[in-house]
Amino acid sequence: EENRSKKVDFEEYVCSVVASEMPASFEAEALKAQSVAVRTYAMARLQKFYEMEDAEHPEAAICNTTHCQVYKSKRQLLKLHGEDWDKSCWDKVEEACTATKGELLYYNGELVTEPLFFSSSGGQTENSEDVFSGAYPYLVSVVSPYEEGATHKNEERTFEVGNVEAIINNRYTDRTTGVITQENTKILSRTAGGRVKEIKL
């Protein structure tokens, strides 16, 4: 069943993705914004698929995982959340999607091909070229000040120096780092969002 393709009504698909990607408890305006992004993403993938530019999904234009957009049918969502969820949550999501029915994002008269969304940015987004292979004029670094309780706001990762040495030496077999210390480690550049882009060891 995992690899089978399925035909779904377009607006029903949008509603199901919004309910799968975002908690229904979010504000109605957030659900509306999400529905426009979801609809645009799906339309851009459909366009690519029918122009035969996308070989990632030979059977279908879009998949149901985070690779594209998470899609669970209303039946699956009810099973996941319970029957009470139907009236209080599905109706709210459906109302938001209906309010934006047919609305898509355009930039300079062209359909936006990468209407990307995420749960949090840690307070600052990135230029697309610092994260992905392409530069998109509508995916530029901006401050995101409304993330007080966001999951990635104060996220930290700690790495053992020995592990870092091993990873780098395995990756670059033509040279060796030697012993990494604070003194011989230098940040050369940062992204527009303030994250490390290049580092010299």
C-alpha atoms as a PDB file:
ATOM      1  CA  GLU A   1       0.000   0.000   0.000  1.00  0.00           C
ATOM      2  CA  GLU A   2       2.930   2.319   0.678  1.00  0.00           C
ATOM      3  CA  ASN A   3       3.948   2.528  -2.994  1.00  0.00           C
ATOM      4  CA  ARG A   4       0.472   2.749  -4.504  1.00  0.00           C
ATOM      5  CA  SER A   5      -0.715   5.950  -6.123  1.00  0.00           C
ATOM      6  CA  LYS A   6      -4.121   7.350  -5.287  1.00  0.00           C
ATOM      7  CA  LYS A   7      -6.350  10.007  -6.862  1.00  0.00           C
ATOM      8  CA  VAL A   8      -7.666  12.570  -4.389  1.00  0.00           C
ATOM      9  CA  ASP A   9      -9.852  15.638  -4.875  1.00  0.00           C
ATOM     10  CA  PHE A  10      -7.451  18.609  -4.925  1.00  0.00           C
ATOM     11  CA  GLU A  11      -9.128  20.746  -2.241  1.00  0.00           C
ATOM     12  CA  GLU A  12      -9.736  17.681  -0.060  1.00  0.00           C
ATOM     13  CA  TYR A  13      -6.001  16.954  -0.395  1.00  0.00           C
ATOM     14  CA  VAL A  14      -5.158  20.529   0.687  1.00  0.00           C
ATOM     15  CA  CYS A  15      -7.398  20.227   3.742  1.00  0.00           C
ATOM     16  CA  SER A  16      -5.908  16.874   4.745  1.00  0.00           C
ATOM     17  CA  VAL A  17      -2.333  18.140   4.391  1.00  0.00           C
ATOM     18  CA  VAL A  18      -3.062  21.234   6.495  1.00  0.00           C
ATOM     19  CA  ALA A  19      -4.565  18.989   9.192  1.00  0.00           C
ATOM     20  CA  SER A  20      -1.540  16.658   8.946  1.00  0.00           C
ATOM     21  CA  GLU A  21       1.152  19.359   8.915  1.00  0.00           C
ATOM     22  CA  MET A  22      -0.225  21.874  11.452  1.00  0.00           C
ATOM     23  CA  PRO A  23      -2.122  21.507  14.737  1.00  0.00           C
ATOM     24  CA  ALA A  24      -5.770  22.467  14.281  1.00  0.00           C
ATOM     25  CA  SER A  25      -5.482  24.427  17.537  1.00  0.00           C
ATOM     26  CA  PHE A  26      -3.451  27.093  15.697  1.00  0.00           C
ATOM     27  CA  GLU A  27      -5.103  30.410  14.835  1.00  0.00           C
ATOM     28  CA  ALA A  28      -7.455  30.454  11.836  1.00  0.00           C
ATOM     29  CA  GLU A  29      -5.182  32.896   9.944  1.00  0.00           C
ATOM     30  CA  ALA A  30      -2.225  30.532  10.365  1.00  0.00           C
ATOM     31  CA  LEU A  31      -4.335  27.664   8.997  1.00  0.00           C
ATOM     32  CA  LYS A  32      -5.331  29.844   6.030  1.00  0.00           C
ATOM     33  CA  ALA A  33      -1.714  30.761   5.303  1.00  0.00           C
ATOM     34  CA  GLN A  34      -0.753  27.097   5.556  1.00  0.00           C
ATOM     35  CA  SER A  35      -3.517  26.111   3.131  1.00  0.00           C
ATOM     36  CA  VAL A  36      -2.254  28.589   0.508  1.00  0.00           C
ATOM     37  CA  ALA A  37       1.318  27.279   0.879  1.00  0.00           C
ATOM     38  CA  VAL A  38       0.122  23.646   0.689  1.00  0.00           C
ATOM     39  CA  ARG A  39      -2.012  24.340  -2.382  1.00  0.00           C
ATOM     40  CA  THR A  40       0.837  26.181  -4.123  1.00  0.00           C
ATOM     41  CA  TYR A  41       3.356  23.443  -3.358  1.00  0.00           C
ATOM     42  CA  ALA A  42       1.020  20.767  -4.714  1.00  0.00           C
ATOM     43  CA  MET A  43       0.215  22.766  -7.861  1.00  0.00           C
ATOM     44  CA  ALA A  44       3.926  23.407  -8.532  1.00  0.00           C
ATOM     45  CA  ARG A  45       4.656  19.674  -8.184  1.00  0.00           C
ATOM     46  CA  LEU A  46       1.754  18.780 -10.460  1.00  0.00           C
ATOM     47  CA  GLN A  47       3.019  21.256 -13.048  1.00  0.00           C
ATOM     48  CA  LYS A  48       6.516  19.738 -12.904  1.00  0.00           C
ATOM     49  CA  PHE A  49       5.119  16.228 -13.106  1.00  0.00           C
ATOM     50  CA  TYR A  50       3.017  16.894 -16.193  1.00  0.00           C
ATOM     51  CA  GLU A  51       5.916  18.685 -17.863  1.00  0.00           C
ATOM     52  CA  MET A  52       7.893  15.472 -17.229  1.00  0.00           C
ATOM     53  CA  GLU A  53      10.550  17.301 -15.204  1.00  0.00           C
ATOM     54  CA  ASP A  54      10.230  15.257 -12.022  1.00  0.00           C
ATOM     55  CA  ALA A  55      11.576  11.716 -11.955  1.00  0.00           C
ATOM     56  CA  GLU A  56      11.461  11.419  -8.145  1.00  0.00           C
ATOM     57  CA  HIS A  57       7.908  10.038  -8.190  1.00  0.00           C
ATOM     58  CA  PRO A  58       7.369   8.188 -11.469  1.00  0.00           C
ATOM     59  CA  GLU A  59       3.919   7.026 -10.319  1.00  0.00           C
ATOM     60  CA  ALA A  60       2.617  10.317  -8.890  1.00  0.00           C
ATOM     61  CA  ALA A  61       3.356  14.018  -8.727  1.00  0.00           C
ATOM     62  CA  ILE A  62       3.634  14.125  -4.959  1.00  0.00           C
ATOM     63  CA  CYS A  63       4.186  11.732  -2.054  1.00  0.00           C
ATOM     64  CA  ASN A  64       2.549  11.663   1.368  1.00  0.00           C
ATOM     65  CA  THR A  65       5.679  12.064   3.534  1.00  0.00           C
ATOM     66  CA  THR A  66       7.853  14.974   4.696  1.00  0.00           C
ATOM     67  CA  HIS A  67       9.777  14.541   1.438  1.00  0.00           C
ATOM     68  CA  CYS A  68       6.865  16.462  -0.121  1.00  0.00           C
ATOM     69  CA  GLN A  69       3.988  17.190   2.262  1.00  0.00           C
ATOM     70  CA  VAL A  70       2.554  14.944   4.952  1.00  0.00           C
ATOM     71  CA  TYR A  71      -0.843  13.669   3.845  1.00  0.00           C
ATOM     72  CA  LYS A  72      -3.223  11.659   5.997  1.00  0.00           C
ATOM     73  CA  SER A  73      -6.805  11.174   4.884  1.00  0.00           C
ATOM     74  CA  LYS A  74      -9.658  12.384   7.087  1.00  0.00           C
ATOM     75  CA  ARG A  75     -10.265   8.752   8.074  1.00  0.00           C
ATOM     76  CA  GLN A  76      -6.622   8.320   9.104  1.00  0.00           C
ATOM     77  CA  LEU A  77      -6.692  11.608  11.039  1.00  0.00           C
ATOM     78  CA  LEU A  78      -9.856  10.564  12.908  1.00  0.00           C
ATOM     79  CA  LYS A  79      -8.233   7.253  13.790  1.00  0.00           C
ATOM     80  CA  LEU A  80      -5.134   9.105  14.996  1.00  0.00           C
ATOM     81  CA  HIS A  81      -6.920  11.817  17.009  1.00  0.00           C
ATOM     82  CA  GLY A  82     -10.218  10.192  17.980  1.00  0.00           C
ATOM     83  CA  GLU A  83     -13.831  10.961  17.065  1.00  0.00           C
ATOM     84  CA  ASP A  84     -14.005  14.175  19.155  1.00  0.00           C
ATOM     85  CA  TRP A  85     -11.392  15.688  16.852  1.00  0.00           C
ATOM     86  CA  ASP A  86     -13.854  15.575  13.931  1.00  0.00           C
ATOM     87  CA  LYS A  87     -16.185  18.390  14.960  1.00  0.00           C
ATOM     88  CA  SER A  88     -13.811  20.655  16.860  1.00  0.00           C
ATOM     89  CA  CYS A  89     -10.764  20.378  14.604  1.00  0.00           C
ATOM     90  CA  TRP A  90     -11.558  19.105  11.118  1.00  0.00           C
ATOM     91  CA  ASP A  91     -14.323  21.703  10.733  1.00  0.00           C
ATOM     92  CA  LYS A  92     -11.909  24.478  11.727  1.00  0.00           C
ATOM     93  CA  VAL A  93      -9.283  23.323   9.203  1.00  0.00           C
ATOM     94  CA  GLU A  94     -11.912  22.838   6.489  1.00  0.00           C
ATOM     95  CA  GLU A  95     -13.258  26.348   7.108  1.00  0.00           C
ATOM     96  CA  ALA A  96      -9.753  27.848   6.720  1.00  0.00           C
ATOM     97  CA  CYS A  97      -9.149  25.921   3.492  1.00  0.00           C
ATOM     98  CA  THR A  98     -12.554  26.852   2.081  1.00  0.00           C
ATOM     99  CA  ALA A  99     -11.866  30.534   2.848  1.00  0.00           C
ATOM    100  CA  THR A 100      -8.750  30.375   0.620  1.00  0.00           C
ATOM    101  CA  LYS A 101     -10.107  27.954  -1.996  1.00  0.00           C
ATOM    102  CA  GLY A 102      -8.216  28.292  -5.279  1.00  0.00           C
ATOM    103  CA  GLU A 103      -5.692  30.783  -3.866  1.00  0.00           C
ATOM    104  CA  LEU A 104      -2.063  30.252  -4.924  1.00  0.00           C
ATOM    105  CA  LEU A 105       1.179  32.143  -4.350  1.00  0.00           C
ATOM    106  CA  TYR A 106       2.719  34.020  -7.279  1.00  0.00           C
ATOM    107  CA  TYR A 107       5.935  36.018  -7.587  1.00  0.00           C
ATOM    108  CA  ASN A 108       6.197  38.477 -10.486  1.00  0.00           C
ATOM    109  CA  GLY A 109       3.296  36.762 -12.206  1.00  0.00           C
ATOM    110  CA  GLU A 110       4.822  33.279 -11.979  1.00  0.00           C
ATOM    111  CA  LEU A 111       3.618  30.450  -9.744  1.00  0.00           C
ATOM    112  CA  VAL A 112       5.923  30.105  -6.730  1.00  0.00           C
ATOM    113  CA  THR A 113       7.692  26.766  -7.196  1.00  0.00           C
ATOM    114  CA  GLU A 114       9.160  26.506  -3.685  1.00  0.00           C
ATOM    115  CA  PRO A 115       6.562  27.712  -1.139  1.00  0.00           C
ATOM    116  CA  LEU A 116       8.488  26.124   1.704  1.00  0.00           C
ATOM    117  CA  PHE A 117       7.272  26.079   5.287  1.00  0.00           C
ATOM    118  CA  PHE A 118       8.654  24.826   8.601  1.00  0.00           C
ATOM    119  CA  SER A 119       7.750  24.812  12.276  1.00  0.00           C
ATOM    120  CA  SER A 120      10.384  27.291  13.448  1.00  0.00           C
ATOM    121  CA  SER A 121      13.543  29.021  12.269  1.00  0.00           C
ATOM    122  CA  GLY A 122      15.271  29.776  15.555  1.00  0.00           C
ATOM    123  CA  GLY A 123      14.438  33.468  15.134  1.00  0.00           C
ATOM    124  CA  GLN A 124      16.008  34.067  11.693  1.00  0.00           C
ATOM    125  CA  THR A 125      15.370  32.405   8.341  1.00  0.00           C
ATOM    126  CA  GLU A 126      18.059  31.765   5.706  1.00  0.00           C
ATOM    127  CA  ASN A 127      18.616  32.712   2.085  1.00  0.00           C
ATOM    128  CA  SER A 128      17.635  29.671   0.018  1.00  0.00           C
ATOM    129  CA  GLU A 129      21.071  29.477  -1.638  1.00  0.00           C
ATOM    130  CA  ASP A 130      22.699  28.953   1.783  1.00  0.00           C
ATOM    131  CA  VAL A 131      20.564  25.860   2.374  1.00  0.00           C
ATOM    132  CA  PHE A 132      19.527  24.538  -1.054  1.00  0.00           C
ATOM    133  CA  SER A 133      21.086  24.531  -4.496  1.00  0.00           C
ATOM    134  CA  GLY A 134      19.001  27.382  -5.909  1.00  0.00           C
ATOM    135  CA  ALA A 135      18.500  31.049  -5.094  1.00  0.00           C
ATOM    136  CA  TYR A 136      14.872  32.148  -4.978  1.00  0.00           C
ATOM    137  CA  PRO A 137      14.101  35.866  -4.579  1.00  0.00           C
ATOM    138  CA  TYR A 138      11.146  35.106  -2.316  1.00  0.00           C
ATOM    139  CA  LEU A 139      13.189  32.865   0.033  1.00  0.00           C
ATOM    140  CA  VAL A 140      15.467  35.399   1.684  1.00  0.00           C
ATOM    141  CA  SER A 141      16.726  35.759   5.234  1.00  0.00           C
ATOM    142  CA  VAL A 142      14.299  37.638   7.486  1.00  0.00           C
ATOM    143  CA  VAL A 143      13.898  38.027  11.228  1.00  0.00           C
ATOM    144  CA  SER A 144      11.161  35.821  12.673  1.00  0.00           C
ATOM    145  CA  PRO A 145      10.395  37.476  16.023  1.00  0.00           C
ATOM    146  CA  TYR A 146       7.312  35.488  17.032  1.00  0.00           C
ATOM    147  CA  GLU A 147       9.022  32.293  18.153  1.00  0.00           C
ATOM    148  CA  GLU A 148       9.254  32.635  21.941  1.00  0.00           C
ATOM    149  CA  GLY A 149       8.086  29.076  22.588  1.00  0.00           C
ATOM    150  CA  ALA A 150       9.450  27.558  19.388  1.00  0.00           C
ATOM    151  CA  THR A 151      11.157  24.175  19.536  1.00  0.00           C
ATOM    152  CA  HIS A 152      14.457  25.230  17.910  1.00  0.00           C
ATOM    153  CA  LYS A 153      14.879  28.659  19.537  1.00  0.00           C
ATOM    154  CA  ASN A 154      17.708  27.745  21.888  1.00  0.00           C
ATOM    155  CA  GLU A 155      18.746  24.432  20.396  1.00  0.00           C
ATOM    156  CA  GLU A 156      22.339  23.336  21.023  1.00  0.00           C
ATOM    157  CA  ARG A 157      24.396  20.431  19.747  1.00  0.00           C
ATOM    158  CA  THR A 158      27.612  19.216  21.394  1.00  0.00           C
ATOM    159  CA  PHE A 159      30.218  17.141  19.560  1.00  0.00           C
ATOM    160  CA  GLU A 160      33.292  15.338  20.849  1.00  0.00           C
ATOM    161  CA  VAL A 161      36.429  16.770  19.228  1.00  0.00           C
ATOM    162  CA  GLY A 162      37.673  13.254  18.465  1.00  0.00           C
ATOM    163  CA  ASN A 163      34.458  12.451  16.602  1.00  0.00           C
ATOM    164  CA  VAL A 164      34.722  15.633  14.549  1.00  0.00           C
ATOM    165  CA  GLU A 165      38.350  14.814  13.675  1.00  0.00           C
ATOM    166  CA  ALA A 166      37.362  11.295  12.583  1.00  0.00           C
ATOM    167  CA  ILE A 167      34.449  12.496  10.428  1.00  0.00           C
ATOM    168  CA  ILE A 168      36.539  15.156   8.681  1.00  0.00           C
ATOM    169  CA  ASN A 169      39.579  12.915   8.196  1.00  0.00           C
ATOM    170  CA  ASN A 170      37.351  10.191   6.702  1.00  0.00           C
ATOM    171  CA  ARG A 171      35.755  12.727   4.362  1.00  0.00           C
ATOM    172  CA  TYR A 172      39.005  14.400   3.249  1.00  0.00           C
ATOM    173  CA  THR A 173      41.431  11.514   2.895  1.00  0.00           C
ATOM    174  CA  ASP A 174      44.026  13.587   1.007  1.00  0.00           C
ATOM    175  CA  ARG A 175      44.814  15.677   4.110  1.00  0.00           C
ATOM    176  CA  THR A 176      44.538  15.435   7.872  1.00  0.00           C
ATOM    177  CA  THR A 177      43.284  17.894  10.451  1.00  0.00           C
ATOM    178  CA  GLY A 178      45.775  16.990  13.129  1.00  0.00           C
ATOM    179  CA  VAL A 179      44.476  17.729  16.603  1.00  0.00           C
ATOM    180  CA  ILE A 180      41.574  20.199  16.540  1.00  0.00           C
ATOM    181  CA  THR A 181      41.846  22.915  19.178  1.00  0.00           C
ATOM    182  CA  GLN A 182      40.107  26.214  19.841  1.00  0.00           C
ATOM    183  CA  GLU A 183      43.240  27.992  18.607  1.00  0.00           C
ATOM    184  CA  ASN A 184      43.394  26.291  15.194  1.00  0.00           C
ATOM    185  CA  THR A 185      39.644  26.492  14.521  1.00  0.00           C
ATOM    186  CA  LYS A 186      38.324  29.605  12.829  1.00  0.00           C
ATOM    187  CA  ILE A 187      34.884  30.583  11.508  1.00  0.00           C
ATOM    188  CA  LEU A 188      35.513  32.113   8.072  1.00  0.00           C
ATOM    189  CA  SER A 189      31.984  33.171   7.149  1.00  0.00           C
ATOM    190  CA  ARG A 190      28.391  33.120   8.263  1.00  0.00           C
ATOM    191  CA  THR A 191      25.104  32.912   6.396  1.00  0.00           C
ATOM    192  CA  ALA A 192      22.680  35.828   6.197  1.00  0.00           C
ATOM    193  CA  GLY A 193      20.789  34.098   9.024  1.00  0.00           C
ATOM    194  CA  GLY A 194      23.887  34.166  11.258  1.00  0.00           C
ATOM    195  CA  ARG A 195      24.755  30.470  11.143  1.00  0.00           C
ATOM    196  CA  VAL A 196      28.231  29.147  10.346  1.00  0.00           C
ATOM    197  CA  LYS A 197      28.761  28.765   6.601  1.00  0.00           C
ATOM    198  CA  GLU A 198      32.510  28.068   6.351  1.00  0.00           C
ATOM    199  CA  ILE A 199      34.959  26.954   9.006  1.00  0.00           C
ATOM    200  CA  LYS A 200      38.720  26.457   8.800  1.00  0.00           C
ATOM    201  CA  LEU A 201      40.495  23.737  10.797  1.00  0.00           C
END
